[in-house]
């Protein structure tokens, strides 16, 4: 994520997040929040 911030890449994740383990959900949510202000390419994970 720190490198994604430097690269101005924003993280998005699509899928059924509520069925993921809590630690995975937390990591996904944090990555989305940490890169929310980036306005370059969207790195969209289908998870």
ModelCIF file with pLDDT and N, C-alpha, C, O atoms, coordinates in Angstrom:
data_MODEL
#
_entry.id   MODEL 
#
_entity.id                         1 
_entity.type                       polymer 
_entity.pdbx_number_of_molecules   1 
#
_entity_poly.entity_id                      1 
_entity_poly.type                           'polypeptide(L)' 
_entity_poly.nstd_linkage                   no 
_entity_poly.nstd_monomer                   no 
_entity_poly.pdbx_seq_one_letter_code       
;(UNK)(UNK)(UNK)(UNK)(UNK)(UNK)(UNK)(UNK)(UNK)(UNK)(UNK)(UNK)(UNK)(UNK)(UNK)(UNK)
(UNK)(UNK)(UNK)(UNK)(UNK)(UNK)(UNK)(UNK)(UNK)(UNK)(UNK)(UNK)(UNK)(UNK)(UNK)(UNK)
(UNK)(UNK)(UNK)(UNK)(UNK)(UNK)(UNK)(UNK)(UNK)(UNK)(UNK)(UNK)(UNK)(UNK)(UNK)
;
_entity_poly.pdbx_seq_one_letter_code_can   XXXXXXXXXXXXXXXXXXXXXXXXXXXXXXXXXXXXXXXXXXXXXXX 
_entity_poly.pdbx_strand_id                 A 
#
loop_
_entity_poly_seq.entity_id 
_entity_poly_seq.num 
_entity_poly_seq.mon_id 
_entity_poly_seq.hetero 
1 1  UNK n 
1 2  UNK n 
1 3  UNK n 
1 4  UNK n 
1 5  UNK n 
1 6  UNK n 
1 7  UNK n 
1 8  UNK n 
1 9  UNK n 
1 10 UNK n 
1 11 UNK n 
1 12 UNK n 
1 13 UNK n 
1 14 UNK n 
1 15 UNK n 
1 16 UNK n 
1 17 UNK n 
1 18 UNK n 
1 19 UNK n 
1 20 UNK n 
1 21 UNK n 
1 22 UNK n 
1 23 UNK n 
1 24 UNK n 
1 25 UNK n 
1 26 UNK n 
1 27 UNK n 
1 28 UNK n 
1 29 UNK n 
1 30 UNK n 
1 31 UNK n 
1 32 UNK n 
1 33 UNK n 
1 34 UNK n 
1 35 UNK n 
1 36 UNK n 
1 37 UNK n 
1 38 UNK n 
1 39 UNK n 
1 40 UNK n 
1 41 UNK n 
1 42 UNK n 
1 43 UNK n 
1 44 UNK n 
1 45 UNK n 
1 46 UNK n 
1 47 UNK n 
#
_struct_asym.id          A 
_struct_asym.entity_id   1 
#
loop_
_ma_qa_metric.id 
_ma_qa_metric.mode 
_ma_qa_metric.name 
_ma_qa_metric.software_group_id 
_ma_qa_metric.type 
1 global pLDDT . pLDDT 
2 local  pLDDT . pLDDT 
#
_ma_qa_metric_global.metric_id      1 
_ma_qa_metric_global.metric_value   96.19 
_ma_qa_metric_global.model_id       1 
_ma_qa_metric_global.ordinal_id     1 
#
loop_
_ma_qa_metric_local.label_asym_id 
_ma_qa_metric_local.label_comp_id 
_ma_qa_metric_local.label_seq_id 
_ma_qa_metric_local.metric_id 
_ma_qa_metric_local.metric_value 
_ma_qa_metric_local.model_id 
_ma_qa_metric_local.ordinal_id 
A UNK 1  2 96.00 1 1  
A UNK 2  2 96.00 1 2  
A UNK 3  2 96.00 1 3  
A UNK 4  2 97.00 1 4  
A UNK 5  2 97.00 1 5  
A UNK 6  2 97.00 1 6  
A UNK 7  2 97.00 1 7  
A UNK 8  2 98.00 1 8  
A UNK 9  2 98.00 1 9  
A UNK 10 2 98.00 1 10 
A UNK 11 2 98.00 1 11 
A UNK 12 2 97.00 1 12 
A UNK 13 2 96.00 1 13 
A UNK 14 2 97.00 1 14 
A UNK 15 2 97.00 1 15 
A UNK 16 2 96.00 1 16 
A UNK 17 2 90.00 1 17 
A UNK 18 2 89.00 1 18 
A UNK 19 2 90.00 1 19 
A UNK 20 2 93.00 1 20 
A UNK 21 2 94.00 1 21 
A UNK 22 2 95.00 1 22 
A UNK 23 2 95.00 1 23 
A UNK 24 2 95.00 1 24 
A UNK 25 2 95.00 1 25 
A UNK 26 2 96.00 1 26 
A UNK 27 2 95.00 1 27 
A UNK 28 2 95.00 1 28 
A UNK 29 2 96.00 1 29 
A UNK 30 2 96.00 1 30 
A UNK 31 2 97.00 1 31 
A UNK 32 2 97.00 1 32 
A UNK 33 2 97.00 1 33 
A UNK 34 2 97.00 1 34 
A UNK 35 2 98.00 1 35 
A UNK 36 2 98.00 1 36 
A UNK 37 2 97.00 1 37 
A UNK 38 2 98.00 1 38 
A UNK 39 2 97.00 1 39 
A UNK 40 2 98.00 1 40 
A UNK 41 2 98.00 1 41 
A UNK 42 2 98.00 1 42 
A UNK 43 2 98.00 1 43 
A UNK 44 2 98.00 1 44 
A UNK 45 2 97.00 1 45 
A UNK 46 2 97.00 1 46 
A UNK 47 2 96.00 1 47 
#
loop_
_atom_site.group_PDB 
_atom_site.id 
_atom_site.type_symbol 
_atom_site.label_atom_id 
_atom_site.label_alt_id 
_atom_site.label_comp_id 
_atom_site.label_asym_id 
_atom_site.label_entity_id 
_atom_site.label_seq_id 
_atom_site.pdbx_PDB_ins_code 
_atom_site.Cartn_x 
_atom_site.Cartn_y 
_atom_site.Cartn_z 
_atom_site.occupancy 
_atom_site.B_iso_or_equiv 
_atom_site.pdbx_formal_charge 
_atom_site.auth_seq_id 
_atom_site.auth_comp_id 
_atom_site.auth_asym_id 
_atom_site.auth_atom_id 
_atom_site.pdbx_PDB_model_num 
ATOM 1   N N  . UNK A 1 1  ? 0.810   -1.220  0.000   1.00 96.00 ? 1  UNK A N  1 
ATOM 2   C CA . UNK A 1 1  ? 0.000   0.000   0.000   1.00 96.00 ? 1  UNK A CA 1 
ATOM 3   C C  . UNK A 1 1  ? 0.843   1.270   0.000   1.00 96.00 ? 1  UNK A C  1 
ATOM 4   O O  . UNK A 1 1  ? 0.516   2.192   -0.747  1.00 96.00 ? 1  UNK A O  1 
ATOM 5   N N  . UNK A 1 2  ? 1.921   1.374   0.801   1.00 96.00 ? 2  UNK A N  1 
ATOM 6   C CA . UNK A 1 2  ? 2.736   2.595   0.735   1.00 96.00 ? 2  UNK A CA 1 
ATOM 7   C C  . UNK A 1 2  ? 3.252   2.882   -0.675  1.00 96.00 ? 2  UNK A C  1 
ATOM 8   O O  . UNK A 1 2  ? 3.331   4.038   -1.090  1.00 96.00 ? 2  UNK A O  1 
ATOM 9   N N  . UNK A 1 3  ? 3.600   1.831   -1.403  1.00 96.00 ? 3  UNK A N  1 
ATOM 10  C CA . UNK A 1 3  ? 4.066   2.018   -2.772  1.00 96.00 ? 3  UNK A CA 1 
ATOM 11  C C  . UNK A 1 3  ? 2.911   2.428   -3.683  1.00 96.00 ? 3  UNK A C  1 
ATOM 12  O O  . UNK A 1 3  ? 3.091   3.239   -4.591  1.00 96.00 ? 3  UNK A O  1 
ATOM 13  N N  . UNK A 1 4  ? 1.727   1.866   -3.440  1.00 97.00 ? 4  UNK A N  1 
ATOM 14  C CA . UNK A 1 4  ? 0.553   2.248   -4.223  1.00 97.00 ? 4  UNK A CA 1 
ATOM 15  C C  . UNK A 1 4  ? 0.219   3.723   -4.008  1.00 97.00 ? 4  UNK A C  1 
ATOM 16  O O  . UNK A 1 4  ? -0.197  4.415   -4.937  1.00 97.00 ? 4  UNK A O  1 
ATOM 17  N N  . UNK A 1 5  ? 0.402   4.192   -2.788  1.00 97.00 ? 5  UNK A N  1 
ATOM 18  C CA . UNK A 1 5  ? 0.160   5.609   -2.505  1.00 97.00 ? 5  UNK A CA 1 
ATOM 19  C C  . UNK A 1 5  ? 1.141   6.468   -3.300  1.00 97.00 ? 5  UNK A C  1 
ATOM 20  O O  . UNK A 1 5  ? 0.754   7.483   -3.880  1.00 97.00 ? 5  UNK A O  1 
ATOM 21  N N  . UNK A 1 6  ? 2.400   6.063   -3.325  1.00 97.00 ? 6  UNK A N  1 
ATOM 22  C CA . UNK A 1 6  ? 3.400   6.812   -4.094  1.00 97.00 ? 6  UNK A CA 1 
ATOM 23  C C  . UNK A 1 6  ? 3.094   6.777   -5.588  1.00 97.00 ? 6  UNK A C  1 
ATOM 24  O O  . UNK A 1 6  ? 3.366   7.736   -6.311  1.00 97.00 ? 6  UNK A O  1 
ATOM 25  N N  . UNK A 1 7  ? 2.526   5.658   -6.043  1.00 97.00 ? 7  UNK A N  1 
ATOM 26  C CA . UNK A 1 7  ? 2.199   5.506   -7.466  1.00 97.00 ? 7  UNK A CA 1 
ATOM 27  C C  . UNK A 1 7  ? 0.842   6.129   -7.814  1.00 97.00 ? 7  UNK A C  1 
ATOM 28  O O  . UNK A 1 7  ? 0.440   6.129   -8.978  1.00 97.00 ? 7  UNK A O  1 
ATOM 29  N N  . UNK A 1 8  ? 0.137   6.659   -6.807  1.00 98.00 ? 8  UNK A N  1 
ATOM 30  C CA . UNK A 1 8  ? -1.178  7.283   -7.009  1.00 98.00 ? 8  UNK A CA 1 
ATOM 31  C C  . UNK A 1 8  ? -2.216  6.278   -7.494  1.00 98.00 ? 8  UNK A C  1 
ATOM 32  O O  . UNK A 1 8  ? -3.106  6.634   -8.267  1.00 98.00 ? 8  UNK A O  1 
ATOM 33  N N  . UNK A 1 9  ? -2.113  5.034   -7.054  1.00 98.00 ? 9  UNK A N  1 
ATOM 34  C CA . UNK A 1 9  ? -3.047  3.966   -7.424  1.00 98.00 ? 9  UNK A CA 1 
ATOM 35  C C  . UNK A 1 9  ? -4.068  3.779   -6.315  1.00 98.00 ? 9  UNK A C  1 
ATOM 36  O O  . UNK A 1 9  ? -3.712  3.708   -5.139  1.00 98.00 ? 9  UNK A O  1 
ATOM 37  N N  . UNK A 1 10 ? -5.320  3.700   -6.687  1.00 98.00 ? 10 UNK A N  1 
ATOM 38  C CA . UNK A 1 10 ? -6.400  3.512   -5.705  1.00 98.00 ? 10 UNK A CA 1 
ATOM 39  C C  . UNK A 1 10 ? -6.870  2.068   -5.710  1.00 98.00 ? 10 UNK A C  1 
ATOM 40  O O  . UNK A 1 10 ? -7.079  1.488   -6.776  1.00 98.00 ? 10 UNK A O  1 
ATOM 41  N N  . UNK A 1 11 ? -7.038  1.484   -4.539  1.00 98.00 ? 11 UNK A N  1 
ATOM 42  C CA . UNK A 1 11 ? -7.476  0.097   -4.395  1.00 98.00 ? 11 UNK A CA 1 
ATOM 43  C C  . UNK A 1 11 ? -8.995  0.030   -4.308  1.00 98.00 ? 11 UNK A C  1 
ATOM 44  O O  . UNK A 1 11 ? -9.627  0.802   -3.587  1.00 98.00 ? 11 UNK A O  1 
ATOM 45  N N  . UNK A 1 12 ? -9.564  -0.901  -5.051  1.00 97.00 ? 12 UNK A N  1 
ATOM 46  C CA . UNK A 1 12 ? -10.982 -1.235  -4.934  1.00 97.00 ? 12 UNK A CA 1 
ATOM 47  C C  . UNK A 1 12 ? -11.086 -2.756  -4.875  1.00 97.00 ? 12 UNK A C  1 
ATOM 48  O O  . UNK A 1 12 ? -10.301 -3.459  -5.511  1.00 97.00 ? 12 UNK A O  1 
ATOM 49  N N  . UNK A 1 13 ? -12.034 -3.256  -4.128  1.00 96.00 ? 13 UNK A N  1 
ATOM 50  C CA . UNK A 1 13 ? -12.229 -4.709  -4.028  1.00 96.00 ? 13 UNK A CA 1 
ATOM 51  C C  . UNK A 1 13 ? -13.704 -4.996  -4.227  1.00 96.00 ? 13 UNK A C  1 
ATOM 52  O O  . UNK A 1 13 ? -14.549 -4.386  -3.572  1.00 96.00 ? 13 UNK A O  1 
ATOM 53  N N  . UNK A 1 14 ? -14.022 -5.919  -5.122  1.00 97.00 ? 14 UNK A N  1 
ATOM 54  C CA . UNK A 1 14 ? -15.417 -6.314  -5.327  1.00 97.00 ? 14 UNK A CA 1 
ATOM 55  C C  . UNK A 1 14 ? -15.554 -7.807  -5.049  1.00 97.00 ? 14 UNK A C  1 
ATOM 56  O O  . UNK A 1 14 ? -14.627 -8.587  -5.266  1.00 97.00 ? 14 UNK A O  1 
ATOM 57  N N  . UNK A 1 15 ? -16.722 -8.177  -4.570  1.00 97.00 ? 15 UNK A N  1 
ATOM 58  C CA . UNK A 1 15 ? -16.975 -9.560  -4.199  1.00 97.00 ? 15 UNK A CA 1 
ATOM 59  C C  . UNK A 1 15 ? -17.799 -9.593  -2.922  1.00 97.00 ? 15 UNK A C  1 
ATOM 60  O O  . UNK A 1 15 ? -18.312 -8.566  -2.478  1.00 97.00 ? 15 UNK A O  1 
ATOM 61  N N  . UNK A 1 16 ? -17.921 -10.758 -2.345  1.00 96.00 ? 16 UNK A N  1 
ATOM 62  C CA . UNK A 1 16 ? -18.753 -10.930 -1.145  1.00 96.00 ? 16 UNK A CA 1 
ATOM 63  C C  . UNK A 1 16 ? -17.860 -10.854 0.089   1.00 96.00 ? 16 UNK A C  1 
ATOM 64  O O  . UNK A 1 16 ? -17.460 -11.870 0.656   1.00 96.00 ? 16 UNK A O  1 
ATOM 65  N N  . UNK A 1 17 ? -17.558 -9.609  0.490   1.00 90.00 ? 17 UNK A N  1 
ATOM 66  C CA . UNK A 1 17 ? -16.593 -9.363  1.561   1.00 90.00 ? 17 UNK A CA 1 
ATOM 67  C C  . UNK A 1 17 ? -17.054 -9.912  2.902   1.00 90.00 ? 17 UNK A C  1 
ATOM 68  O O  . UNK A 1 17 ? -16.236 -10.322 3.725   1.00 90.00 ? 17 UNK A O  1 
ATOM 69  N N  . UNK A 1 18 ? -18.364 -9.920  3.122   1.00 89.00 ? 18 UNK A N  1 
ATOM 70  C CA . UNK A 1 18 ? -18.875 -10.331 4.428   1.00 89.00 ? 18 UNK A CA 1 
ATOM 71  C C  . UNK A 1 18 ? -18.607 -11.804 4.718   1.00 89.00 ? 18 UNK A C  1 
ATOM 72  O O  . UNK A 1 18 ? -18.764 -12.244 5.857   1.00 89.00 ? 18 UNK A O  1 
ATOM 73  N N  . UNK A 1 19 ? -18.210 -12.563 3.719   1.00 90.00 ? 19 UNK A N  1 
ATOM 74  C CA . UNK A 1 19 ? -17.949 -13.989 3.904   1.00 90.00 ? 19 UNK A CA 1 
ATOM 75  C C  . UNK A 1 19 ? -16.454 -14.282 4.063   1.00 90.00 ? 19 UNK A C  1 
ATOM 76  O O  . UNK A 1 19 ? -16.048 -15.440 4.161   1.00 90.00 ? 19 UNK A O  1 
ATOM 77  N N  . UNK A 1 20 ? -15.656 -13.243 4.086   1.00 93.00 ? 20 UNK A N  1 
ATOM 78  C CA . UNK A 1 20 ? -14.220 -13.411 4.264   1.00 93.00 ? 20 UNK A CA 1 
ATOM 79  C C  . UNK A 1 20 ? -13.867 -13.430 5.752   1.00 93.00 ? 20 UNK A C  1 
ATOM 80  O O  . UNK A 1 20 ? -14.618 -12.896 6.569   1.00 93.00 ? 20 UNK A O  1 
ATOM 81  N N  . UNK A 1 21 ? -12.734 -14.037 6.112   1.00 94.00 ? 21 UNK A N  1 
ATOM 82  C CA . UNK A 1 21 ? -12.289 -13.978 7.509   1.00 94.00 ? 21 UNK A CA 1 
ATOM 83  C C  . UNK A 1 21 ? -12.103 -12.526 7.943   1.00 94.00 ? 21 UNK A C  1 
ATOM 84  O O  . UNK A 1 21 ? -11.810 -11.656 7.124   1.00 94.00 ? 21 UNK A O  1 
ATOM 85  N N  . UNK A 1 22 ? -12.275 -12.278 9.224   1.00 95.00 ? 22 UNK A N  1 
ATOM 86  C CA . UNK A 1 22 ? -12.215 -10.904 9.744   1.00 95.00 ? 22 UNK A CA 1 
ATOM 87  C C  . UNK A 1 22 ? -10.893 -10.218 9.401   1.00 95.00 ? 22 UNK A C  1 
ATOM 88  O O  . UNK A 1 22 ? -10.885 -9.052  9.005   1.00 95.00 ? 22 UNK A O  1 
ATOM 89  N N  . UNK A 1 23 ? -9.773  -10.938 9.550   1.00 95.00 ? 23 UNK A N  1 
ATOM 90  C CA . UNK A 1 23 ? -8.469  -10.317 9.292   1.00 95.00 ? 23 UNK A CA 1 
ATOM 91  C C  . UNK A 1 23 ? -8.334  -9.918  7.817   1.00 95.00 ? 23 UNK A C  1 
ATOM 92  O O  . UNK A 1 23 ? -7.697  -8.915  7.497   1.00 95.00 ? 23 UNK A O  1 
ATOM 93  N N  . UNK A 1 24 ? -8.938  -10.710 6.922   1.00 95.00 ? 24 UNK A N  1 
ATOM 94  C CA . UNK A 1 24 ? -8.886  -10.392 5.499   1.00 95.00 ? 24 UNK A CA 1 
ATOM 95  C C  . UNK A 1 24 ? -9.742  -9.167  5.205   1.00 95.00 ? 24 UNK A C  1 
ATOM 96  O O  . UNK A 1 24 ? -9.333  -8.277  4.460   1.00 95.00 ? 24 UNK A O  1 
ATOM 97  N N  . UNK A 1 25 ? -10.935 -9.130  5.797   1.00 95.00 ? 25 UNK A N  1 
ATOM 98  C CA . UNK A 1 25 ? -11.803 -7.969  5.623   1.00 95.00 ? 25 UNK A CA 1 
ATOM 99  C C  . UNK A 1 25 ? -11.117 -6.694  6.110   1.00 95.00 ? 25 UNK A C  1 
ATOM 100 O O  . UNK A 1 25 ? -11.174 -5.657  5.449   1.00 95.00 ? 25 UNK A O  1 
ATOM 101 N N  . UNK A 1 26 ? -10.484 -6.778  7.249   1.00 96.00 ? 26 UNK A N  1 
ATOM 102 C CA . UNK A 1 26 ? -9.816  -5.604  7.821   1.00 96.00 ? 26 UNK A CA 1 
ATOM 103 C C  . UNK A 1 26 ? -8.689  -5.109  6.915   1.00 96.00 ? 26 UNK A C  1 
ATOM 104 O O  . UNK A 1 26 ? -8.527  -3.903  6.725   1.00 96.00 ? 26 UNK A O  1 
ATOM 105 N N  . UNK A 1 27 ? -7.912  -6.040  6.355   1.00 95.00 ? 27 UNK A N  1 
ATOM 106 C CA . UNK A 1 27 ? -6.818  -5.660  5.457   1.00 95.00 ? 27 UNK A CA 1 
ATOM 107 C C  . UNK A 1 27 ? -7.352  -4.989  4.200   1.00 95.00 ? 27 UNK A C  1 
ATOM 108 O O  . UNK A 1 27 ? -6.793  -3.998  3.730   1.00 95.00 ? 27 UNK A O  1 
ATOM 109 N N  . UNK A 1 28 ? -8.445  -5.538  3.654   1.00 95.00 ? 28 UNK A N  1 
ATOM 110 C CA . UNK A 1 28 ? -9.071  -4.973  2.460   1.00 95.00 ? 28 UNK A CA 1 
ATOM 111 C C  . UNK A 1 28 ? -9.598  -3.568  2.746   1.00 95.00 ? 28 UNK A C  1 
ATOM 112 O O  . UNK A 1 28 ? -9.341  -2.633  1.987   1.00 95.00 ? 28 UNK A O  1 
ATOM 113 N N  . UNK A 1 29 ? -10.331 -3.428  3.841   1.00 96.00 ? 29 UNK A N  1 
ATOM 114 C CA . UNK A 1 29 ? -10.917 -2.129  4.187   1.00 96.00 ? 29 UNK A CA 1 
ATOM 115 C C  . UNK A 1 29 ? -9.841  -1.072  4.422   1.00 96.00 ? 29 UNK A C  1 
ATOM 116 O O  . UNK A 1 29 ? -10.002 0.084   4.031   1.00 96.00 ? 29 UNK A O  1 
ATOM 117 N N  . UNK A 1 30 ? -8.751  -1.472  5.057   1.00 96.00 ? 30 UNK A N  1 
ATOM 118 C CA . UNK A 1 30 ? -7.668  -0.516  5.343   1.00 96.00 ? 30 UNK A CA 1 
ATOM 119 C C  . UNK A 1 30 ? -6.988  -0.074  4.044   1.00 96.00 ? 30 UNK A C  1 
ATOM 120 O O  . UNK A 1 30 ? -6.670  1.104   3.881   1.00 96.00 ? 30 UNK A O  1 
ATOM 121 N N  . UNK A 1 31 ? -6.768  -1.004  3.129   1.00 97.00 ? 31 UNK A N  1 
ATOM 122 C CA . UNK A 1 31 ? -6.131  -0.666  1.858   1.00 97.00 ? 31 UNK A CA 1 
ATOM 123 C C  . UNK A 1 31 ? -6.999  0.298   1.058   1.00 97.00 ? 31 UNK A C  1 
ATOM 124 O O  . UNK A 1 31 ? -6.493  1.238   0.445   1.00 97.00 ? 31 UNK A O  1 
ATOM 125 N N  . UNK A 1 32 ? -8.298  0.061   1.068   1.00 97.00 ? 32 UNK A N  1 
ATOM 126 C CA . UNK A 1 32 ? -9.225  0.945   0.363   1.00 97.00 ? 32 UNK A CA 1 
ATOM 127 C C  . UNK A 1 32 ? -9.185  2.341   0.981   1.00 97.00 ? 32 UNK A C  1 
ATOM 128 O O  . UNK A 1 32 ? -9.134  3.343   0.269   1.00 97.00 ? 32 UNK A O  1 
ATOM 129 N N  . UNK A 1 33 ? -9.209  2.396   2.309   1.00 97.00 ? 33 UNK A N  1 
ATOM 130 C CA . UNK A 1 33 ? -9.198  3.692   3.001   1.00 97.00 ? 33 UNK A CA 1 
ATOM 131 C C  . UNK A 1 33 ? -7.877  4.425   2.797   1.00 97.00 ? 33 UNK A C  1 
ATOM 132 O O  . UNK A 1 33 ? -7.868  5.637   2.582   1.00 97.00 ? 33 UNK A O  1 
ATOM 133 N N  . UNK A 1 34 ? -6.764  3.704   2.862   1.00 97.00 ? 34 UNK A N  1 
ATOM 134 C CA . UNK A 1 34 ? -5.449  4.334   2.767   1.00 97.00 ? 34 UNK A CA 1 
ATOM 135 C C  . UNK A 1 34 ? -5.165  4.902   1.378   1.00 97.00 ? 34 UNK A C  1 
ATOM 136 O O  . UNK A 1 34 ? -4.350  5.814   1.235   1.00 97.00 ? 34 UNK A O  1 
ATOM 137 N N  . UNK A 1 35 ? -5.836  4.364   0.350   1.00 98.00 ? 35 UNK A N  1 
ATOM 138 C CA . UNK A 1 35 ? -5.592  4.829   -1.022  1.00 98.00 ? 35 UNK A CA 1 
ATOM 139 C C  . UNK A 1 35 ? -6.772  5.619   -1.579  1.00 98.00 ? 35 UNK A C  1 
ATOM 140 O O  . UNK A 1 35 ? -6.796  5.939   -2.768  1.00 98.00 ? 35 UNK A O  1 
ATOM 141 N N  . UNK A 1 36 ? -7.738  5.931   -0.743  1.00 98.00 ? 36 UNK A N  1 
ATOM 142 C CA . UNK A 1 36 ? -8.983  6.566   -1.209  1.00 98.00 ? 36 UNK A CA 1 
ATOM 143 C C  . UNK A 1 36 ? -8.757  7.911   -1.884  1.00 98.00 ? 36 UNK A C  1 
ATOM 144 O O  . UNK A 1 36 ? -9.529  8.300   -2.760  1.00 98.00 ? 36 UNK A O  1 
ATOM 145 N N  . UNK A 1 37 ? -7.707  8.626   -1.484  1.00 97.00 ? 37 UNK A N  1 
ATOM 146 C CA . UNK A 1 37 ? -7.456  9.950   -2.042  1.00 97.00 ? 37 UNK A CA 1 
ATOM 147 C C  . UNK A 1 37 ? -6.676  9.899   -3.355  1.00 97.00 ? 37 UNK A C  1 
ATOM 148 O O  . UNK A 1 37 ? -6.524  10.924  -4.019  1.00 97.00 ? 37 UNK A O  1 
ATOM 149 N N  . UNK A 1 38 ? -6.188  8.742   -3.730  1.00 98.00 ? 38 UNK A N  1 
ATOM 150 C CA . UNK A 1 38 ? -5.440  8.623   -4.985  1.00 98.00 ? 38 UNK A CA 1 
ATOM 151 C C  . UNK A 1 38 ? -6.395  8.761   -6.168  1.00 98.00 ? 38 UNK A C  1 
ATOM 152 O O  . UNK A 1 38 ? -7.528  8.283   -6.114  1.00 98.00 ? 38 UNK A O  1 
ATOM 153 N N  . UNK A 1 39 ? -5.947  9.402   -7.214  1.00 97.00 ? 39 UNK A N  1 
ATOM 154 C CA . UNK A 1 39 ? -6.824  9.601   -8.376  1.00 97.00 ? 39 UNK A CA 1 
ATOM 155 C C  . UNK A 1 39 ? -6.213  9.074   -9.665  1.00 97.00 ? 39 UNK A C  1 
ATOM 156 O O  . UNK A 1 39 ? -6.582  9.499   -10.760 1.00 97.00 ? 39 UNK A O  1 
ATOM 157 N N  . UNK A 1 40 ? -5.271  8.141   -9.524  1.00 98.00 ? 40 UNK A N  1 
ATOM 158 C CA . UNK A 1 40 ? -4.684  7.510   -10.699 1.00 98.00 ? 40 UNK A CA 1 
ATOM 159 C C  . UNK A 1 40 ? -5.419  6.226   -11.036 1.00 98.00 ? 40 UNK A C  1 
ATOM 160 O O  . UNK A 1 40 ? -6.638  6.143   -10.884 1.00 98.00 ? 40 UNK A O  1 
ATOM 161 N N  . UNK A 1 41 ? -4.684  5.231   -11.490 1.00 98.00 ? 41 UNK A N  1 
ATOM 162 C CA . UNK A 1 41 ? -5.295  3.957   -11.869 1.00 98.00 ? 41 UNK A CA 1 
ATOM 163 C C  . UNK A 1 41 ? -5.998  3.302   -10.685 1.00 98.00 ? 41 UNK A C  1 
ATOM 164 O O  . UNK A 1 41 ? -5.553  3.432   -9.544  1.00 98.00 ? 41 UNK A O  1 
ATOM 165 N N  . UNK A 1 42 ? -7.089  2.602   -10.955 1.00 98.00 ? 42 UNK A N  1 
ATOM 166 C CA . UNK A 1 42 ? -7.786  1.819   -9.945  1.00 98.00 ? 42 UNK A CA 1 
ATOM 167 C C  . UNK A 1 42 ? -7.312  0.368   -10.043 1.00 98.00 ? 42 UNK A C  1 
ATOM 168 O O  . UNK A 1 42 ? -7.445  -0.266  -11.090 1.00 98.00 ? 42 UNK A O  1 
ATOM 169 N N  . UNK A 1 43 ? -6.764  -0.144  -8.956  1.00 98.00 ? 43 UNK A N  1 
ATOM 170 C CA . UNK A 1 43 ? -6.395  -1.554  -8.864  1.00 98.00 ? 43 UNK A CA 1 
ATOM 171 C C  . UNK A 1 43 ? -7.571  -2.261  -8.222  1.00 98.00 ? 43 UNK A C  1 
ATOM 172 O O  . UNK A 1 43 ? -7.783  -2.163  -7.013  1.00 98.00 ? 43 UNK A O  1 
ATOM 173 N N  . UNK A 1 44 ? -8.332  -2.970  -9.034  1.00 98.00 ? 44 UNK A N  1 
ATOM 174 C CA . UNK A 1 44 ? -9.601  -3.561  -8.616  1.00 98.00 ? 44 UNK A CA 1 
ATOM 175 C C  . UNK A 1 44 ? -9.449  -5.072  -8.467  1.00 98.00 ? 44 UNK A C  1 
ATOM 176 O O  . UNK A 1 44 ? -9.271  -5.785  -9.455  1.00 98.00 ? 44 UNK A O  1 
ATOM 177 N N  . UNK A 1 45 ? -9.522  -5.553  -7.234  1.00 97.00 ? 45 UNK A N  1 
ATOM 178 C CA . UNK A 1 45 ? -9.424  -6.992  -6.982  1.00 97.00 ? 45 UNK A CA 1 
ATOM 179 C C  . UNK A 1 45 ? -10.816 -7.616  -6.939  1.00 97.00 ? 45 UNK A C  1 
ATOM 180 O O  . UNK A 1 45 ? -11.711 -7.114  -6.259  1.00 97.00 ? 45 UNK A O  1 
ATOM 181 N N  . UNK A 1 46 ? -10.985 -8.706  -7.665  1.00 97.00 ? 46 UNK A N  1 
ATOM 182 C CA . UNK A 1 46 ? -12.192 -9.527  -7.547  1.00 97.00 ? 46 UNK A CA 1 
ATOM 183 C C  . UNK A 1 46 ? -11.862 -10.632 -6.552  1.00 97.00 ? 46 UNK A C  1 
ATOM 184 O O  . UNK A 1 46 ? -11.150 -11.583 -6.878  1.00 97.00 ? 46 UNK A O  1 
ATOM 185 N N  . UNK A 1 47 ? -12.380 -10.501 -5.346  1.00 96.00 ? 47 UNK A N  1 
ATOM 186 C CA . UNK A 1 47 ? -12.016 -11.405 -4.255  1.00 96.00 ? 47 UNK A CA 1 
ATOM 187 C C  . UNK A 1 47 ? -13.288 -11.978 -3.646  1.00 96.00 ? 47 UNK A C  1 
ATOM 188 O O  . UNK A 1 47 ? -13.220 -12.769 -2.705  1.00 96.00 ? 47 UNK A O  1 
#
